[in-house]
Protein backbone atom coordinates (compact mmCIF):
# COMPACT_ATOMS: atom_id res chain seq x y z
CA UNK A 1 0.00 0.00 0.00
CA UNK A 2 1.25 3.48 -0.92
CA UNK A 3 0.29 6.70 0.85
CA UNK A 4 0.60 9.94 -1.10
CA UNK A 5 1.05 13.00 1.10
CA UNK A 6 2.11 16.63 1.10
CA UNK A 7 5.29 17.04 3.14
CA UNK A 8 5.56 19.15 6.26
CA UNK A 9 2.13 18.59 7.86
CA UNK A 10 1.74 18.08 11.59
CA UNK A 11 -0.97 15.43 11.49
CA UNK A 12 0.80 13.07 9.06
CA UNK A 13 2.67 11.08 11.72
CA UNK A 14 -0.54 10.49 13.68
CA UNK A 15 -2.38 9.36 10.56
CA UNK A 16 0.43 6.91 9.79
CA UNK A 17 0.22 5.52 13.31
CA UNK A 18 -3.50 4.89 12.80
CA UNK A 19 -2.90 3.19 9.45
CA UNK A 20 -0.15 0.97 10.88
CA UNK A 21 -2.60 -0.38 13.45
CA UNK A 22 -5.61 -0.52 11.13
CA UNK A 23 -3.76 -2.46 8.42
CA UNK A 24 -1.51 -4.54 10.73
CA UNK A 25 1.63 -3.12 9.14
CA UNK A 26 5.07 -4.50 10.06
CA UNK A 27 7.21 -2.25 7.81
CA UNK A 28 6.87 1.52 7.47
CA UNK A 29 8.75 2.74 4.38
CA UNK A 30 9.51 6.46 4.15
CA UNK A 31 10.80 8.74 1.40
CA UNK A 32 13.82 9.62 3.54
CA UNK A 33 17.41 9.37 2.30
CA UNK A 34 18.71 5.83 2.69
CA UNK A 35 21.88 7.36 4.15
CA UNK A 36 19.91 8.04 7.35
CA UNK A 37 19.28 4.33 8.02
CA UNK A 38 22.01 4.04 10.66
CA UNK A 39 21.04 7.34 12.26
CA UNK A 40 17.41 6.26 12.60
CA UNK A 41 18.41 2.81 13.92
CA UNK A 42 20.46 4.48 16.67
CA UNK A 43 17.57 6.81 17.50
CA UNK A 44 15.11 3.92 17.82
CA UNK A 45 17.50 1.79 19.88
CA UNK A 46 18.91 4.43 22.24
CA UNK A 47 16.82 7.60 22.02
CA UNK A 48 19.89 9.51 20.85
CA UNK A 49 19.91 11.02 17.36
CA UNK A 50 23.38 11.27 15.80
CA UNK A 51 23.81 14.33 13.61
CA UNK A 52 23.70 13.90 9.84
CA UNK A 53 23.39 16.52 7.06
CA UNK A 54 20.29 14.84 5.65
CA UNK A 55 18.39 15.41 8.90
CA UNK A 56 18.35 19.11 8.11
CA UNK A 57 16.99 19.21 4.55
CA UNK A 58 13.94 21.14 5.73
CA UNK A 59 11.62 19.95 2.95
CA UNK A 60 9.06 18.54 5.38
CA UNK A 61 9.68 14.84 4.88
CA UNK A 62 11.43 14.58 8.25
CA UNK A 63 9.43 15.98 11.17
CA UNK A 64 9.55 15.74 14.95
CA UNK A 65 6.33 13.76 14.76
CA UNK A 66 7.84 11.18 12.41
CA UNK A 67 10.85 10.71 14.69
CA UNK A 68 8.57 10.23 17.69
CA UNK A 69 6.49 7.73 15.72
CA UNK A 70 9.52 5.69 14.63
CA UNK A 71 10.71 5.50 18.24
CA UNK A 72 7.29 4.35 19.43
CA UNK A 73 6.87 1.75 16.67
CA UNK A 74 10.35 0.36 17.26
CA UNK A 75 9.69 -0.02 20.98
CA UNK A 76 6.60 -2.21 20.62
CA UNK A 77 6.53 -5.84 21.72
CA UNK A 78 6.23 -6.66 18.02
CA UNK A 79 8.35 -3.84 16.57
CA UNK A 80 7.31 -2.12 13.38
CA UNK A 81 10.55 -1.55 11.51
CA UNK A 82 11.36 1.24 9.08
CA UNK A 83 12.81 1.39 5.59
CA UNK A 84 14.28 4.60 4.17
CA UNK A 85 14.11 4.28 0.40
CA UNK A 86 14.96 7.63 -1.18
CA UNK A 87 17.75 7.46 -3.73
CA UNK A 88 19.55 10.77 -3.30
CA UNK A 89 22.08 10.27 -6.09
CA UNK A 90 21.09 7.35 -8.36
CA UNK A 91 23.89 6.24 -10.70
CA UNK A 92 21.42 6.27 -13.59
CA UNK A 93 21.16 10.08 -13.40
CA UNK A 94 23.44 12.11 -15.63
CA UNK A 95 22.73 15.76 -14.89
CA UNK A 96 24.70 16.90 -17.93
CA UNK A 97 22.63 15.02 -20.52
CA UNK A 98 19.23 14.25 -18.99
CA UNK A 99 16.13 16.43 -18.90
CA UNK A 100 14.35 17.26 -15.64
CA UNK A 101 11.68 14.67 -16.47
CA UNK A 102 14.28 12.00 -17.18
CA UNK A 103 16.09 12.71 -13.91
CA UNK A 104 12.84 12.73 -11.92
CA UNK A 105 11.82 9.43 -13.51
CA UNK A 106 15.24 7.87 -12.85
CA UNK A 107 15.08 8.84 -9.18
CA UNK A 108 11.60 7.35 -8.86
CA UNK A 109 12.74 4.18 -10.61
CA UNK A 110 15.58 3.88 -8.09
CA UNK A 111 13.18 4.44 -5.17
CA UNK A 112 10.86 1.75 -6.54
CA UNK A 113 13.78 -0.67 -6.82
CA UNK A 114 14.85 0.06 -3.24
CA UNK A 115 11.35 -0.61 -1.95
CA UNK A 116 10.79 -3.70 -4.10
CA UNK A 117 14.14 -5.21 -3.08
CA UNK A 118 13.35 -4.82 0.61
CA UNK A 119 9.97 -6.53 0.19
CA UNK A 120 10.97 -9.33 -2.18
CA UNK A 121 9.96 -12.66 -0.69
CA UNK A 122 9.42 -11.19 2.78
CA UNK A 123 5.65 -11.47 2.98
CA UNK A 124 5.61 -8.35 5.14
CA UNK A 125 2.72 -5.91 5.24
CA UNK A 126 4.13 -2.51 4.27
CA UNK A 127 3.04 1.08 3.84
CA UNK A 128 5.21 3.16 1.51
CA UNK A 129 4.89 6.89 2.22
CA UNK A 130 6.03 9.55 -0.25
CA UNK A 131 5.06 12.85 -1.78
CA UNK A 132 1.81 12.44 -3.69
CA UNK A 133 3.45 12.88 -7.09
CA UNK A 134 5.59 9.80 -6.42
CA UNK A 135 2.77 7.47 -5.35
CA UNK A 136 0.64 7.80 -8.47
CA UNK A 137 0.13 4.50 -10.28
CA UNK A 138 0.29 6.03 -13.77
CA UNK A 139 2.60 8.52 -15.45
CA UNK A 140 2.15 12.03 -14.09
CA UNK A 141 3.18 15.58 -14.89
CA UNK A 142 6.79 15.15 -13.72
CA UNK A 143 7.52 11.76 -15.30
CA UNK A 144 6.95 8.10 -14.49
CA UNK A 145 6.52 7.88 -10.71
CA UNK A 146 7.60 5.27 -8.21
CA UNK A 147 4.06 3.91 -7.95
CA UNK A 148 3.89 3.19 -11.68
CA UNK A 149 7.26 1.43 -11.60
CA UNK A 150 6.10 -0.75 -8.71
CA UNK A 151 2.92 -1.83 -10.50
CA UNK A 152 4.99 -3.44 -13.26
CA UNK A 153 5.58 -6.40 -10.93
CA UNK A 154 2.74 -5.73 -8.49
CA UNK A 155 -0.42 -4.98 -10.51
CA UNK A 156 -2.48 -5.42 -7.34
CA UNK A 157 -0.77 -2.43 -5.68
CA UNK A 158 -3.13 0.22 -4.36
CA UNK A 159 -2.63 3.70 -2.99
CA UNK A 160 -4.21 6.01 -0.45
CA UNK A 161 -4.41 9.65 -1.47
CA UNK A 162 -4.56 12.22 1.31
CA UNK A 163 -6.94 15.09 0.50
CA UNK A 164 -6.40 18.33 2.38
CA UNK A 165 -8.58 21.20 3.40
CA UNK A 166 -7.11 24.70 3.80
CA UNK A 167 -4.25 24.99 6.27
CA UNK A 168 -0.48 25.26 6.57
CA UNK A 169 2.67 23.21 6.00
CA UNK A 170 6.44 23.56 6.28
CA UNK A 171 8.50 22.85 3.16
CA UNK A 172 11.70 24.93 3.02
CA UNK A 173 9.63 27.61 4.70
CA UNK A 174 6.17 28.13 6.14
CA UNK A 175 3.51 27.79 3.43
CA UNK A 176 -0.23 28.01 3.04
CA UNK A 177 -2.44 25.30 1.56
CA UNK A 178 -5.06 27.21 -0.37
CA UNK A 179 -7.47 24.33 -0.73
CA UNK A 180 -11.05 25.09 -1.76
CA UNK A 181 -12.25 21.63 -0.76
CA UNK A 182 -15.27 21.67 1.52
CA UNK A 183 -15.88 17.91 1.41
CA UNK A 184 -12.98 16.75 3.60
CA UNK A 185 -14.53 17.03 7.05
CA UNK A 186 -14.18 15.16 9.33
CA UNK A 187 -10.89 13.28 9.02
CA UNK A 188 -11.74 9.87 7.60
CA UNK A 189 -10.55 7.03 5.37
CA UNK A 190 -13.09 6.13 2.72
CA UNK A 191 -13.57 4.60 -0.71
CA UNK A 192 -14.58 6.84 -3.62
CA UNK A 193 -15.40 4.51 -6.50
CA UNK A 194 -12.06 2.65 -6.83
CA UNK A 195 -9.94 5.22 -4.96
CA UNK A 196 -8.97 5.10 -1.29
CA UNK A 197 -9.04 8.63 0.12
CA UNK A 198 -7.85 9.91 3.49
CA UNK A 199 -9.39 13.29 4.28
CA UNK A 200 -7.59 15.84 6.47
CA UNK A 201 -9.74 18.96 6.88
CA UNK A 202 -7.38 21.32 8.72
CA UNK A 203 -3.69 20.57 8.09
CA UNK A 204 -1.23 22.32 10.40
CA UNK A 205 2.46 23.10 10.04
CA UNK A 206 4.80 20.39 11.33
CA UNK A 207 7.95 20.90 13.38
CA UNK A 208 10.64 20.36 10.72
CA UNK A 209 14.39 20.33 11.45
CA UNK A 210 16.13 22.70 9.08
CA UNK A 211 19.25 24.79 8.67
CA UNK A 212 21.10 26.31 5.70
CA UNK A 213 23.05 23.84 3.57
CA UNK A 214 26.54 25.04 2.56
CA UNK A 215 27.07 25.67 -1.14
CA UNK A 216 29.62 22.84 -1.25
CA UNK A 217 27.53 20.56 0.98
CA UNK A 218 25.01 17.83 0.30
CA UNK A 219 22.87 18.12 -2.83
CA UNK A 220 19.46 16.57 -3.16
CA UNK A 221 16.31 16.61 -5.27
CA UNK A 222 14.05 18.93 -3.32
CA UNK A 223 10.32 18.27 -3.44
CA UNK A 224 7.89 21.07 -4.18
CA UNK A 225 4.99 21.54 -1.75
CA UNK A 226 2.53 19.76 -4.03
CA UNK A 227 4.84 16.82 -4.67
């Protein structure tokens, strides 16, 4: 199951906690840089969070709520483990010759491969959480997304789309969600024809770790607020 979200929203971690219990999930996969795997493992095991440049990207994927959730899930009698599947610098990307769409598609292909490899033969129940442009099951405006790549071998794959009312988020700055939806109250998970929808009527800005990245520091594919 894939969950398509907008980054930097306070309630996301709580919604994921509810879905983990509702769907009996044993693996929570997040669109976080895979380089943070050791950092997160230390956090879950000890409650101490070693510093790492990728903790401070500030694009809303990593929030205080997510960190709290991962610690809670990892401390259960039957721990829910995490997988960080973002490919920050896939070898297939050549920035000198590829278009933006080609690079976006290559990154999503790499993320799909990371997720598929972790699940192969495991039989585990998993939620994969990413920006809503990446979880689409068909080609979208930016290229071929992770969700579409995954359906090549998993045609039964389904996604949950989070629909938002007006509110706020944090993605490289405080931003407003100018949603005109009036049909997303109260918060609920429901089926609309063949689409699973999770309604969030009043999104609020998450607590997001962030600091300036040096010009010669870590580079990454930032995600726009709607992605």
